[in-house]
Amino acid sequence: MAIDVVLLGTGNPLPDSNRAGAATLVRAGGRTMLVDAGRAVCMRLAAAGVIPLMLDDVLLTHLHSDHICDLNDVITTHWVMGPMPKSLRVFGPPRTQDVVAGLRAMLQPDIEYRIAHHADLTWEPQLDVREIAPGLVFDESGVRVIAARTDHRPVEPTVGYRVECDGKAVVLAGDTVPCDGLDELCRGADIYVQTVLRVDLVGAAPVQRFRDTIDYHSTVAQAAQTAKRGGVRTLVLTHQIPTPFAGTADEWVALARAHFDGEIVFGEDLVSVAV
């Protein structure tokens, strides 16, 4: 397979015993990439057979807490497991530098303690943080990553990613409503991974703060319509809002099926798809 995608965490900001926070593993052309780093990401990486030291790149779609809250764990574990210094590249929208600098400051006491205790650990975490704009992120070793602006306002800027390898393409959209940037990413893609919301369920919630989420996430129908416009082969529904009740996957798929004839995958933690 040219590209392998593993849904590490399909949960939303509300804690759930069965769903880790937003995170997706992408393996392509010998590169191992993590898209977002939500709650319990290192545990799910281990379950997928990957340790943080194996990561080449972290790609952040945006800086909402549920997408970055365990980035500190990724940074620390990537560092302490290494037999020698290895840089971890972190790509993200503007202000990613601020976020990583804050995490780095939070970790400084721990870094000092570990260096003081381990004679063979003589270096601090090696981080290469790059704030990106829409366009080419990198093109290396047969793997091409492209970013486009998405729409998750008032969270801005936000980006989605398209990973290309051996003529195949996978889109990791993050949190967004339909927009031109998302359509650009999805055009002709083999797999499109999208956060989705059930407006019928969220709209009935008695808490305004929860209902507010409707205006900046794609509904299931909107995700399916985006997939259809782009000629996508497989639509993956992830980061579902609200957390689906057991046995309701078919309901979510049926909502998408009304607008999209391709393959539809209902995302749960550690579900994988490949092309």
Protein backbone atom coordinates (compact mmCIF):
# COMPACT_ATOMS: atom_id res chain seq x y z
CA MET A 1 0.00 0.00 0.00
CA ALA A 2 1.22 3.51 -0.81
CA ILE A 3 -0.42 5.20 2.20
CA ASP A 4 -1.68 3.69 5.44
CA VAL A 5 -3.98 5.68 7.76
CA VAL A 6 -4.78 4.68 11.35
CA LEU A 7 -7.34 6.58 13.40
CA LEU A 8 -5.55 6.79 16.73
CA GLY A 9 -8.17 8.86 18.46
CA THR A 10 -11.72 9.55 17.28
CA GLY A 11 -13.04 11.25 20.39
CA ASN A 12 -14.18 14.82 20.88
CA PRO A 13 -13.34 17.19 23.77
CA LEU A 14 -15.63 15.32 26.17
CA PRO A 15 -13.67 12.43 27.78
CA ASP A 16 -14.79 8.94 26.82
CA SER A 17 -13.41 5.65 28.07
CA ASN A 18 -13.39 4.11 24.58
CA ARG A 19 -12.13 7.01 22.48
CA ALA A 20 -8.82 8.83 22.69
CA GLY A 21 -8.49 12.42 21.56
CA ALA A 22 -8.08 13.64 18.01
CA ALA A 23 -5.05 12.07 16.35
CA THR A 24 -4.33 10.21 13.12
CA LEU A 25 -1.30 8.21 12.05
CA VAL A 26 -0.20 8.36 8.41
CA ARG A 27 2.55 6.15 6.99
CA ALA A 28 3.72 6.81 3.46
CA GLY A 29 6.93 6.20 1.54
CA GLY A 30 8.88 5.27 4.64
CA ARG A 31 7.75 8.37 6.56
CA THR A 32 5.69 8.13 9.73
CA MET A 33 3.55 11.18 10.41
CA LEU A 34 1.21 12.13 13.24
CA VAL A 35 -1.67 14.46 12.46
CA ASP A 36 -2.75 16.20 15.69
CA ALA A 37 -1.92 14.98 19.18
CA GLY A 38 -5.00 14.74 21.35
CA ARG A 39 -5.68 12.92 24.60
CA ALA A 40 -3.83 9.57 25.08
CA VAL A 41 -2.08 9.75 21.72
CA CYS A 42 1.03 7.89 22.88
CA MET A 43 -1.06 4.99 24.19
CA ARG A 44 -2.83 4.69 20.85
CA LEU A 45 0.46 4.97 18.96
CA ALA A 46 1.75 2.02 20.97
CA ALA A 47 -1.41 0.06 20.17
CA ALA A 48 -0.76 0.75 16.48
CA GLY A 49 2.78 -0.59 16.81
CA VAL A 50 4.47 2.80 16.74
CA ILE A 51 6.53 4.49 19.44
CA PRO A 52 7.01 8.28 19.34
CA LEU A 53 10.70 7.84 18.50
CA MET A 54 9.57 6.44 15.13
CA LEU A 55 7.77 9.65 14.19
CA ASP A 56 9.30 11.83 11.51
CA ASP A 57 6.77 14.66 11.53
CA VAL A 58 3.86 16.06 13.51
CA LEU A 59 1.26 17.96 11.48
CA LEU A 60 -1.14 20.15 13.47
CA THR A 61 -4.41 21.20 11.85
CA HIS A 62 -5.15 23.83 14.50
CA LEU A 63 -4.44 24.77 18.07
CA HIS A 64 -7.65 23.82 19.88
CA SER A 65 -6.73 22.03 23.11
CA ASP A 66 -8.32 18.70 22.14
CA HIS A 67 -5.96 18.46 19.14
CA ILE A 68 -2.72 19.31 20.97
CA CYS A 69 -3.17 18.43 24.66
CA ASP A 70 -0.78 15.44 24.55
CA LEU A 71 1.82 16.97 22.26
CA ASN A 72 3.96 17.34 25.39
CA ASP A 73 3.87 13.55 25.83
CA VAL A 74 4.92 13.03 22.22
CA ILE A 75 7.83 15.46 22.65
CA THR A 76 9.02 13.94 25.93
CA THR A 77 8.73 10.31 24.85
CA HIS A 78 10.36 10.99 21.47
CA TRP A 79 13.29 12.50 23.38
CA VAL A 80 13.81 10.08 26.28
CA MET A 81 13.54 6.93 24.14
CA GLY A 82 16.24 8.05 21.74
CA PRO A 83 19.75 6.54 21.86
CA MET A 84 21.03 9.72 20.21
CA PRO A 85 19.65 13.15 19.32
CA LYS A 86 16.87 13.06 16.74
CA SER A 87 14.93 16.11 15.65
CA LEU A 88 11.14 16.04 15.62
CA ARG A 89 9.57 18.32 13.04
CA VAL A 90 6.34 20.01 14.07
CA PHE A 91 4.31 21.74 11.37
CA GLY A 92 1.28 23.88 12.12
CA PRO A 93 -0.49 27.17 11.54
CA PRO A 94 0.75 30.50 12.89
CA ARG A 95 1.15 30.49 16.71
CA THR A 96 2.43 26.92 16.68
CA GLN A 97 5.79 28.35 17.77
CA ASP A 98 4.09 29.93 20.80
CA VAL A 99 2.38 26.67 21.74
CA VAL A 100 5.54 24.57 21.48
CA ALA A 101 7.57 27.18 23.36
CA GLY A 102 5.00 27.05 26.16
CA LEU A 103 5.14 23.25 26.27
CA ARG A 104 8.92 23.38 26.23
CA ALA A 105 8.92 25.75 29.20
CA MET A 106 6.50 23.50 31.08
CA LEU A 107 8.78 20.52 30.47
CA GLN A 108 12.01 22.28 31.50
CA PRO A 109 12.09 20.97 35.11
CA ASP A 110 11.55 17.41 33.86
CA ILE A 111 14.27 17.83 31.23
CA GLU A 112 16.73 18.97 33.86
CA TYR A 113 15.84 16.11 36.21
CA ARG A 114 16.30 13.46 33.52
CA ILE A 115 19.61 14.85 32.27
CA ALA A 116 20.88 14.99 35.86
CA HIS A 117 19.90 11.35 36.43
CA HIS A 118 21.00 9.69 33.18
CA ALA A 119 24.66 9.94 32.24
CA ASP A 120 23.95 8.90 28.64
CA LEU A 121 21.28 11.56 28.13
CA THR A 122 23.27 14.69 27.37
CA TRP A 123 20.93 16.56 25.04
CA GLU A 124 17.59 18.32 25.37
CA PRO A 125 14.59 17.66 23.09
CA GLN A 126 15.43 18.52 19.49
CA LEU A 127 12.46 20.32 17.92
CA ASP A 128 12.15 21.86 14.48
CA VAL A 129 8.96 23.91 14.54
CA ARG A 130 7.70 25.32 11.25
CA GLU A 131 4.68 27.56 10.90
CA ILE A 132 3.14 26.99 7.50
CA ALA A 133 1.02 28.81 4.96
CA PRO A 134 -1.24 27.22 2.35
CA GLY A 135 0.77 25.41 -0.30
CA LEU A 136 3.57 22.88 -0.32
CA VAL A 137 4.66 21.77 3.15
CA PHE A 138 7.38 19.40 2.00
CA ASP A 139 8.27 17.06 -0.87
CA GLU A 140 10.78 14.47 0.32
CA SER A 141 11.61 10.85 -0.43
CA GLY A 142 8.56 10.41 -2.64
CA VAL A 143 6.12 11.93 -0.13
CA ARG A 144 4.44 15.22 -0.87
CA VAL A 145 2.41 17.10 1.75
CA ILE A 146 0.23 20.05 0.80
CA ALA A 147 -1.70 22.33 3.15
CA ALA A 148 -4.78 24.41 2.46
CA ARG A 149 -6.67 26.84 4.62
CA THR A 150 -9.86 25.48 6.16
CA ASP A 151 -12.70 27.24 8.00
CA HIS A 152 -13.09 26.65 11.74
CA ARG A 153 -13.68 30.28 12.69
CA PRO A 154 -13.24 31.89 15.17
CA VAL A 155 -10.31 29.47 15.39
CA GLU A 156 -8.01 30.78 12.67
CA PRO A 157 -6.01 30.11 10.73
CA THR A 158 -6.66 26.40 10.46
CA VAL A 159 -5.30 24.01 7.86
CA GLY A 160 -6.00 20.62 6.35
CA TYR A 161 -3.38 18.39 4.76
CA ARG A 162 -3.13 16.29 1.62
CA VAL A 163 -0.51 13.53 1.66
CA GLU A 164 0.53 12.16 -1.73
CA CYS A 165 2.69 9.12 -2.46
CA ASP A 166 2.99 6.78 -5.45
CA GLY A 167 0.03 8.37 -7.21
CA LYS A 168 -2.28 8.05 -4.18
CA ALA A 169 -3.67 10.85 -2.02
CA VAL A 170 -5.11 11.08 1.49
CA VAL A 171 -6.75 14.17 2.98
CA LEU A 172 -6.72 14.92 6.72
CA ALA A 173 -9.18 17.76 7.11
CA GLY A 174 -9.35 18.43 10.82
CA ASP A 175 -12.22 20.56 12.12
CA THR A 176 -13.83 22.68 9.41
CA VAL A 177 -17.00 23.55 7.61
CA PRO A 178 -17.09 23.16 3.81
CA CYS A 179 -14.86 25.71 2.09
CA ASP A 180 -12.79 26.24 -1.05
CA GLY A 181 -9.56 25.09 0.58
CA LEU A 182 -11.13 21.81 1.62
CA ASP A 183 -12.48 21.26 -1.90
CA GLU A 184 -8.98 21.83 -3.30
CA LEU A 185 -7.49 19.24 -0.98
CA CYS A 186 -10.15 16.64 -1.71
CA ARG A 187 -10.10 16.83 -5.49
CA GLY A 188 -9.40 13.29 -6.73
CA ALA A 189 -8.32 12.02 -3.30
CA ASP A 190 -8.46 8.33 -2.46
CA ILE A 191 -9.27 8.85 1.24
CA TYR A 192 -10.82 11.86 2.97
CA VAL A 193 -10.83 11.90 6.79
CA GLN A 194 -13.28 14.41 8.25
CA THR A 195 -14.52 15.48 11.68
CA VAL A 196 -18.32 15.24 11.60
CA LEU A 197 -21.25 16.48 13.65
CA ARG A 198 -24.86 15.25 13.96
CA VAL A 199 -26.81 18.49 13.86
CA ASP A 200 -30.03 16.69 14.79
CA LEU A 201 -28.51 15.53 18.08
CA VAL A 202 -26.38 18.54 18.96
CA GLY A 203 -29.19 20.93 18.11
CA ALA A 204 -31.41 19.24 20.67
CA ALA A 205 -28.89 19.61 23.51
CA PRO A 206 -30.03 21.82 26.41
CA VAL A 207 -26.60 23.47 26.78
CA GLN A 208 -25.87 26.49 24.56
CA ARG A 209 -22.10 25.93 24.73
CA PHE A 210 -22.61 22.52 23.15
CA ARG A 211 -25.00 23.84 20.48
CA ASP A 212 -22.38 26.44 19.57
CA THR A 213 -20.28 23.66 18.02
CA ILE A 214 -22.71 23.38 15.11
CA ASP A 215 -21.48 26.48 13.32
CA TYR A 216 -17.84 25.41 12.87
CA HIS A 217 -17.92 21.68 12.17
CA SER A 218 -19.03 19.82 9.06
CA THR A 219 -22.23 17.90 9.44
CA VAL A 220 -22.25 14.31 8.23
CA ALA A 221 -24.21 15.42 5.16
CA GLN A 222 -21.76 18.25 4.42
CA ALA A 223 -18.78 15.91 4.67
CA ALA A 224 -20.47 13.52 2.25
CA GLN A 225 -21.25 16.36 -0.15
CA THR A 226 -17.60 17.50 -0.02
CA ALA A 227 -16.51 13.94 -0.79
CA LYS A 228 -18.88 13.75 -3.74
CA ARG A 229 -17.74 17.10 -5.17
CA GLY A 230 -14.13 15.98 -4.92
CA GLY A 231 -14.64 12.58 -6.50
CA VAL A 232 -13.22 10.98 -3.35
CA ARG A 233 -13.07 7.18 -3.18
CA THR A 234 -13.42 6.68 0.59
CA LEU A 235 -14.95 8.99 3.21
CA VAL A 236 -13.86 8.41 6.81
CA LEU A 237 -16.08 9.86 9.55
CA THR A 238 -14.03 10.67 12.66
CA HIS A 239 -14.05 12.85 15.80
CA GLN A 240 -17.83 12.43 15.87
CA ILE A 241 -19.92 14.99 17.76
CA PRO A 242 -21.67 13.99 19.94
CA THR A 243 -19.96 10.76 20.98
CA PRO A 244 -21.98 8.03 19.23
CA PHE A 245 -23.94 5.58 21.31
CA ALA A 246 -22.99 1.92 20.85
CA GLY A 247 -24.80 0.36 17.92
CA THR A 248 -25.53 3.63 16.10
CA ALA A 249 -22.75 3.53 13.49
CA ASP A 250 -25.26 2.61 10.79
CA GLU A 251 -27.21 5.82 11.48
CA TRP A 252 -24.15 7.95 10.84
CA VAL A 253 -23.27 6.04 7.67
CA ALA A 254 -26.86 6.31 6.39
CA LEU A 255 -26.74 10.10 6.75
CA ALA A 256 -23.62 10.16 4.61
CA ARG A 257 -24.92 7.57 2.14
CA ALA A 258 -27.77 9.89 1.17
CA HIS A 259 -25.18 12.19 -0.45
CA PHE A 260 -22.20 9.99 -1.36
CA ASP A 261 -21.96 6.68 -3.23
CA GLY A 262 -18.37 5.78 -2.42
CA GLU A 263 -16.99 3.76 0.47
CA ILE A 264 -17.87 5.15 3.91
CA VAL A 265 -15.89 4.20 7.03
CA PHE A 266 -17.28 4.93 10.48
CA GLY A 267 -14.28 5.87 12.58
CA GLU A 268 -13.44 4.21 15.86
CA ASP A 269 -10.07 4.15 17.58
CA LEU A 270 -7.47 2.06 15.73
CA VAL A 271 -9.58 1.58 12.62
CA SER A 272 -7.24 1.65 9.61
CA VAL A 273 -7.69 2.33 5.91
CA ALA A 274 -5.09 2.14 3.18
CA VAL A 275 -4.53 2.76 -0.51
